[in-house]
């Protein structure tokens, strides 16, 4: 089964980070979020992967090289239109997987594919129970998991379901028979309503695993910290030197006055004397923390310099040129 990573979006809710980086390249610990997605695909045997590009396309191409195939969109084609633009690649082996370029998840993709085959529908949507339906499009289904409707960010009192759409799908090639002729096509607005209208069977796969779409700065923090605590299982570099404290190769932190986990310190980080580190805290590769600084509940992005004596609480600290500071995946 082939796979596609949706990587063309603008990432407006992650600004100002996405003024200089496409959303899939926003770092989560030691690598961009899209690198974690590709690691997951590799782990589950998805060897043929394509990504659609639009915003800062060369940034993604230069980082991942020939690890992925690419399809550039001169104008954005929508969540489904971009997939149709890659239909020749995706349908070569039959059914195919679609995953958002900002998804942080440890979803068992083999189990997802087994559910799709067993259900026998044209599509299977990964869904997850969400605490607040006002933040998500929710999916309504029957006792067999067949989808019967959708609600877009309903008030909790009006919600018919608490299952949020994760933006991770498996489709059969026949899905393209239900696309409108227009170039710009959206799953929620165009394709899924057409399936319901034509009584075409499609199903849910409810996740037990972790999922976070890293679509906003708050979600970036929560996803990063969930990886620190182990709620999200990611393959991350570094050596665990104490419970909840992981340190990358070449990091210098001998003069640190206090480390309170969970803390992740990236490769080649330099931490001066009398620094206090209180988790949850992630310090990106190549960062410099000045003497006497105190950091808590924060992310320091790769290559960032924190001034001596500075105090960071609940912050995302960064700088221009983040990409140049990230280690190659």
Protein backbone atom coordinates (compact mmCIF):
# COMPACT_ATOMS: atom_id res chain seq x y z
CA UNK A 1 0.00 0.00 0.00
CA UNK A 2 1.29 3.44 -0.95
CA UNK A 3 1.01 6.57 1.18
CA UNK A 4 0.73 10.33 0.84
CA UNK A 5 1.72 13.03 3.31
CA UNK A 6 -0.31 16.22 2.97
CA UNK A 7 2.37 18.91 3.12
CA UNK A 8 1.07 21.85 1.07
CA UNK A 9 -0.77 23.88 3.71
CA UNK A 10 0.14 27.35 4.98
CA UNK A 11 0.01 26.59 8.73
CA UNK A 12 -1.48 29.96 9.66
CA UNK A 13 -2.22 28.95 13.27
CA UNK A 14 1.47 28.21 13.80
CA UNK A 15 2.61 31.71 12.90
CA UNK A 16 5.12 33.26 13.41
CA UNK A 17 7.00 29.94 13.07
CA UNK A 18 5.44 29.32 9.67
CA UNK A 19 6.48 32.70 8.30
CA UNK A 20 9.80 31.00 7.54
CA UNK A 21 8.99 27.27 7.72
CA UNK A 22 6.25 25.15 6.14
CA UNK A 23 4.12 23.47 8.80
CA UNK A 24 5.54 19.95 8.23
CA UNK A 25 9.02 21.29 9.01
CA UNK A 26 8.17 22.68 12.45
CA UNK A 27 10.51 20.85 14.86
CA UNK A 28 9.28 18.42 17.50
CA UNK A 29 12.28 17.55 19.66
CA UNK A 30 15.10 16.38 17.38
CA UNK A 31 13.48 16.58 13.92
CA UNK A 32 10.62 18.10 11.92
CA UNK A 33 7.13 16.72 12.52
CA UNK A 34 7.08 15.31 8.98
CA UNK A 35 10.22 13.30 9.76
CA UNK A 36 8.37 11.62 12.63
CA UNK A 37 5.53 10.79 10.20
CA UNK A 38 7.97 9.25 7.71
CA UNK A 39 9.56 7.23 10.53
CA UNK A 40 6.10 5.85 11.36
CA UNK A 41 5.47 4.98 7.71
CA UNK A 42 8.86 3.28 7.46
CA UNK A 43 8.17 1.27 10.62
CA UNK A 44 4.95 -0.10 9.14
CA UNK A 45 6.34 -0.93 5.70
CA UNK A 46 5.11 2.02 3.61
CA UNK A 47 8.07 2.34 1.26
CA UNK A 48 6.45 4.37 -1.55
CA UNK A 49 5.46 7.79 -0.24
CA UNK A 50 4.55 11.02 -2.00
CA UNK A 51 4.01 14.51 -0.58
CA UNK A 52 2.18 17.44 -2.15
CA UNK A 53 4.04 20.75 -1.89
CA UNK A 54 3.11 24.42 -2.21
CA UNK A 55 4.40 26.63 0.61
CA UNK A 56 8.23 26.69 0.85
CA UNK A 57 8.45 23.55 -1.34
CA UNK A 58 12.25 23.59 -1.63
CA UNK A 59 12.59 23.55 2.15
CA UNK A 60 10.88 20.16 2.27
CA UNK A 61 12.63 18.80 -0.85
CA UNK A 62 16.08 19.85 0.36
CA UNK A 63 15.60 18.26 3.79
CA UNK A 64 14.13 14.90 2.75
CA UNK A 65 15.73 14.47 -0.66
CA UNK A 66 14.77 11.24 -2.43
CA UNK A 67 13.25 9.72 0.71
CA UNK A 68 9.89 10.92 -0.72
CA UNK A 69 8.38 11.62 -4.14
CA UNK A 70 6.89 15.08 -4.63
CA UNK A 71 4.05 16.76 -6.51
CA UNK A 72 4.01 20.57 -6.58
CA UNK A 73 0.73 22.52 -6.52
CA UNK A 74 1.07 25.93 -8.15
CA UNK A 75 -2.26 26.82 -6.57
CA UNK A 76 -3.64 24.99 -3.56
CA UNK A 77 -6.01 22.22 -4.64
CA UNK A 78 -7.66 21.50 -1.28
CA UNK A 79 -7.38 18.54 1.10
CA UNK A 80 -8.83 16.14 -1.50
CA UNK A 81 -7.83 17.92 -4.71
CA UNK A 82 -4.18 17.52 -3.81
CA UNK A 83 -4.74 13.79 -3.40
CA UNK A 84 -6.45 13.50 -6.79
CA UNK A 85 -3.43 15.26 -8.29
CA UNK A 86 -1.35 12.26 -7.11
CA UNK A 87 -3.88 9.57 -8.08
CA UNK A 88 -1.60 7.99 -10.69
CA UNK A 89 1.05 7.36 -8.02
CA UNK A 90 -1.30 6.36 -5.20
CA UNK A 91 -3.48 3.83 -7.03
CA UNK A 92 -0.65 1.80 -8.55
CA UNK A 93 -0.98 -0.81 -5.79
CA UNK A 94 -4.71 -0.50 -5.11
CA UNK A 95 -5.76 1.07 -1.81
CA UNK A 96 -3.68 3.88 -0.30
CA UNK A 97 -3.09 5.81 2.94
CA UNK A 98 -3.38 9.57 3.44
CA UNK A 99 -1.89 11.30 6.51
CA UNK A 100 -1.70 14.97 7.41
CA UNK A 101 1.76 16.54 7.43
CA UNK A 102 1.20 17.91 10.93
CA UNK A 103 0.07 14.65 12.57
CA UNK A 104 1.88 13.47 15.69
CA UNK A 105 0.77 9.91 16.27
CA UNK A 106 1.98 6.43 17.10
CA UNK A 107 -0.97 4.83 15.32
CA UNK A 108 -0.56 1.16 14.43
CA UNK A 109 -0.90 1.54 10.66
CA UNK A 110 -0.99 -2.20 10.05
CA UNK A 111 -4.00 -2.56 12.34
CA UNK A 112 -5.60 0.42 10.58
CA UNK A 113 -5.12 -1.29 7.20
CA UNK A 114 -6.56 -4.55 8.57
CA UNK A 115 -9.66 -2.69 9.77
CA UNK A 116 -10.07 -1.15 6.32
CA UNK A 117 -9.86 -4.52 4.58
CA UNK A 118 -12.23 -6.18 7.05
CA UNK A 119 -14.84 -3.41 6.79
CA UNK A 120 -14.87 -3.64 3.01
CA UNK A 121 -15.79 -0.02 2.37
CA UNK A 122 -14.47 2.53 -0.07
CA UNK A 123 -12.86 4.51 2.77
CA UNK A 124 -11.85 4.20 6.41
CA UNK A 125 -11.35 7.30 8.57
CA UNK A 126 -9.16 7.31 11.69
CA UNK A 127 -11.06 8.93 14.57
CA UNK A 128 -10.24 9.72 18.19
CA UNK A 129 -12.40 10.67 21.17
CA UNK A 130 -11.90 14.37 21.88
CA UNK A 131 -12.52 16.33 25.07
CA UNK A 132 -14.10 19.34 23.35
CA UNK A 133 -16.13 18.88 20.17
CA UNK A 134 -15.98 22.61 19.49
CA UNK A 135 -12.41 22.16 18.29
CA UNK A 136 -13.00 19.36 15.76
CA UNK A 137 -15.11 17.97 12.98
CA UNK A 138 -16.83 14.96 14.53
CA UNK A 139 -17.96 11.73 12.88
CA UNK A 140 -21.34 10.04 13.45
CA UNK A 141 -21.63 6.28 12.87
CA UNK A 142 -23.83 3.24 13.45
CA UNK A 143 -23.15 0.17 15.60
CA UNK A 144 -20.99 -1.40 12.88
CA UNK A 145 -18.83 1.71 12.53
CA UNK A 146 -20.38 2.72 9.21
CA UNK A 147 -20.35 6.50 8.86
CA UNK A 148 -23.77 8.14 8.76
CA UNK A 149 -22.93 11.82 9.11
CA UNK A 150 -20.63 14.61 10.24
CA UNK A 151 -20.82 17.70 12.42
CA UNK A 152 -18.36 20.57 12.13
CA UNK A 153 -17.22 21.79 15.58
CA UNK A 154 -20.58 21.34 17.30
CA UNK A 155 -21.38 22.69 20.75
CA UNK A 156 -21.08 19.81 23.26
CA UNK A 157 -24.82 19.88 24.01
CA UNK A 158 -25.57 19.49 20.29
CA UNK A 159 -22.84 16.97 19.43
CA UNK A 160 -24.05 13.59 18.20
CA UNK A 161 -20.55 12.15 18.61
CA UNK A 162 -17.28 12.89 20.39
CA UNK A 163 -15.14 11.19 17.75
CA UNK A 164 -12.88 13.73 16.06
CA UNK A 165 -11.69 13.23 12.48
CA UNK A 166 -7.90 12.79 12.63
CA UNK A 167 -7.24 13.52 8.94
CA UNK A 168 -5.76 10.04 8.45
CA UNK A 169 -7.52 7.93 5.82
CA UNK A 170 -7.32 4.74 3.79
CA UNK A 171 -9.10 4.85 0.42
CA UNK A 172 -9.82 2.52 -2.46
CA UNK A 173 -9.12 3.91 -5.95
CA UNK A 174 -12.89 4.17 -6.57
CA UNK A 175 -12.99 7.15 -4.20
CA UNK A 176 -12.11 9.38 -7.17
CA UNK A 177 -15.43 8.47 -8.82
CA UNK A 178 -17.12 10.70 -6.23
CA UNK A 179 -15.07 13.85 -6.83
CA UNK A 180 -16.61 16.95 -8.41
CA UNK A 181 -15.01 18.20 -11.65
CA UNK A 182 -13.56 21.36 -10.06
CA UNK A 183 -9.82 21.44 -9.36
CA UNK A 184 -10.20 22.50 -5.71
CA UNK A 185 -11.79 19.70 -3.69
CA UNK A 186 -12.26 19.29 0.06
CA UNK A 187 -12.98 15.97 1.80
CA UNK A 188 -15.47 17.35 4.30
CA UNK A 189 -17.28 19.73 1.98
CA UNK A 190 -17.27 17.80 -1.30
CA UNK A 191 -16.35 14.12 -1.18
CA UNK A 192 -17.72 12.74 2.10
CA UNK A 193 -21.19 14.28 1.55
CA UNK A 194 -21.23 12.68 -1.90
CA UNK A 195 -20.54 9.27 -0.37
CA UNK A 196 -23.43 9.74 2.06
CA UNK A 197 -25.73 10.97 -0.71
CA UNK A 198 -24.99 7.86 -2.78
CA UNK A 199 -25.21 5.46 0.19
CA UNK A 200 -21.61 4.37 -0.37
CA UNK A 201 -20.26 2.42 2.64
CA UNK A 202 -17.34 3.96 4.51
CA UNK A 203 -16.23 3.35 8.06
CA UNK A 204 -14.37 4.56 11.14
CA UNK A 205 -11.28 3.16 12.83
CA UNK A 206 -11.18 4.40 16.41
CA UNK A 207 -7.68 5.09 17.72
CA UNK A 208 -6.51 3.78 21.06
CA UNK A 209 -3.12 5.31 20.28
CA UNK A 210 -1.92 8.90 20.59
CA UNK A 211 -2.91 11.61 18.11
CA UNK A 212 -2.31 15.38 18.03
CA UNK A 213 -2.45 17.46 14.86
CA UNK A 214 0.15 20.10 15.95
CA UNK A 215 -2.03 22.66 14.19
CA UNK A 216 -1.43 25.47 16.68
CA UNK A 217 1.28 26.68 19.05
CA UNK A 218 -0.56 25.21 22.06
CA UNK A 219 -0.83 21.84 20.28
CA UNK A 220 2.86 22.00 19.39
CA UNK A 221 3.67 22.39 23.08
CA UNK A 222 1.32 19.66 24.23
CA UNK A 223 2.57 17.22 21.57
CA UNK A 224 6.20 17.91 22.44
CA UNK A 225 5.60 17.47 26.15
CA UNK A 226 3.58 14.29 25.58
CA UNK A 227 6.62 12.88 23.79
CA UNK A 228 8.76 13.80 26.81
CA UNK A 229 6.49 11.99 29.26
CA UNK A 230 6.06 8.91 27.05
CA UNK A 231 2.36 9.42 26.38
CA UNK A 232 3.42 9.65 22.72
CA UNK A 233 5.94 7.08 21.54
CA UNK A 234 8.51 8.70 19.22
CA UNK A 235 11.91 7.52 18.08
CA UNK A 236 14.14 10.25 19.49
CA UNK A 237 17.92 10.55 19.69
CA UNK A 238 19.81 11.03 22.93
CA UNK A 239 20.88 9.14 26.05
CA UNK A 240 18.72 8.94 29.15
CA UNK A 241 21.08 9.98 31.94
CA UNK A 242 18.44 9.97 34.68
CA UNK A 243 14.74 9.25 34.99
CA UNK A 244 13.00 11.67 32.64
CA UNK A 245 16.22 13.39 31.48
CA UNK A 246 17.53 12.72 27.96
CA UNK A 247 20.66 14.37 26.56
CA UNK A 248 21.90 14.48 22.96
CA UNK A 249 25.39 13.86 21.68
CA UNK A 250 27.88 16.66 22.35
CA UNK A 251 25.68 18.54 24.84
CA UNK A 252 27.54 20.48 27.57
CA UNK A 253 25.64 21.05 30.80
CA UNK A 254 28.08 20.36 33.64
CA UNK A 255 27.38 23.64 35.42
CA UNK A 256 23.60 23.26 35.60
CA UNK A 257 22.30 24.07 39.07
CA UNK A 258 19.03 22.15 38.82
CA UNK A 259 17.30 19.70 36.47
CA UNK A 260 13.72 18.76 37.24
CA UNK A 261 12.30 16.25 34.72
CA UNK A 262 10.93 15.72 32.20
CA UNK A 263 13.71 17.44 30.25
CA UNK A 264 15.08 16.75 26.78
CA UNK A 265 18.39 18.41 25.77
CA UNK A 266 19.33 18.14 22.11
CA UNK A 267 22.69 17.53 20.46
CA UNK A 268 25.49 20.11 20.77
CA UNK A 269 23.54 22.23 23.26
CA UNK A 270 25.68 24.46 25.51
CA UNK A 271 24.29 25.27 28.94
CA UNK A 272 26.30 27.68 31.10
CA UNK A 273 26.69 27.69 34.87
CA UNK A 274 23.90 28.12 37.40
CA UNK A 275 21.09 27.40 34.93
CA UNK A 276 17.85 25.96 36.33
CA UNK A 277 15.81 23.63 34.16
CA UNK A 278 12.30 22.65 35.24
CA UNK A 279 10.24 20.36 33.07
CA UNK A 280 8.43 19.85 30.96
CA UNK A 281 11.21 21.34 28.89
CA UNK A 282 12.70 20.68 25.44
CA UNK A 283 15.93 22.40 24.34
CA UNK A 284 16.61 21.99 20.61
CA UNK A 285 19.88 21.01 18.92
CA UNK A 286 22.64 23.60 18.94
CA UNK A 287 20.95 25.96 21.42
CA UNK A 288 22.88 28.12 23.89
CA UNK A 289 21.55 28.81 27.39
CA UNK A 290 23.27 31.70 29.17
CA UNK A 291 24.54 31.63 32.75
CA UNK A 292 21.92 31.97 35.47
CA UNK A 293 18.95 31.50 33.15
CA UNK A 294 15.83 29.71 34.43
CA UNK A 295 13.55 27.73 32.10
CA UNK A 296 10.25 26.00 32.87
CA UNK A 297 7.37 24.55 30.83
CA UNK A 298 9.00 25.74 27.59
CA UNK A 299 10.34 24.76 24.20
CA UNK A 300 13.65 26.21 23.00
CA UNK A 301 13.79 25.69 19.25
CA UNK A 302 17.02 24.53 17.56
CA UNK A 303 19.86 27.03 17.41
CA UNK A 304 18.25 29.52 19.80
CA UNK A 305 20.30 31.60 22.24
CA UNK A 306 18.75 32.29 25.64
CA UNK A 307 20.38 35.30 27.28
CA UNK A 308 22.20 35.06 30.62
CA UNK A 309 19.79 35.58 33.49
CA UNK A 310 16.70 35.17 31.28
CA UNK A 311 13.55 33.57 32.65
CA UNK A 312 11.33 31.51 30.33
CA UNK A 313 8.01 30.17 31.63
CA UNK A 314 5.44 28.63 29.31
CA UNK A 315 7.33 29.89 26.26
CA UNK A 316 8.29 28.81 22.77
CA UNK A 317 11.64 30.49 22.18
CA UNK A 318 13.04 30.68 18.67
CA UNK A 319 14.94 32.70 16.12
CA UNK A 320 15.13 33.23 12.40
CA UNK A 321 17.02 30.53 10.54
CA UNK A 322 15.57 27.64 12.55
CA UNK A 323 15.98 25.21 9.67
CA UNK A 324 19.71 25.82 9.39
CA UNK A 325 20.02 24.78 13.05
CA UNK A 326 18.18 21.46 12.70
CA UNK A 327 20.16 18.29 12.30
CA UNK A 328 19.48 16.35 9.12
CA UNK A 329 17.13 13.37 9.45
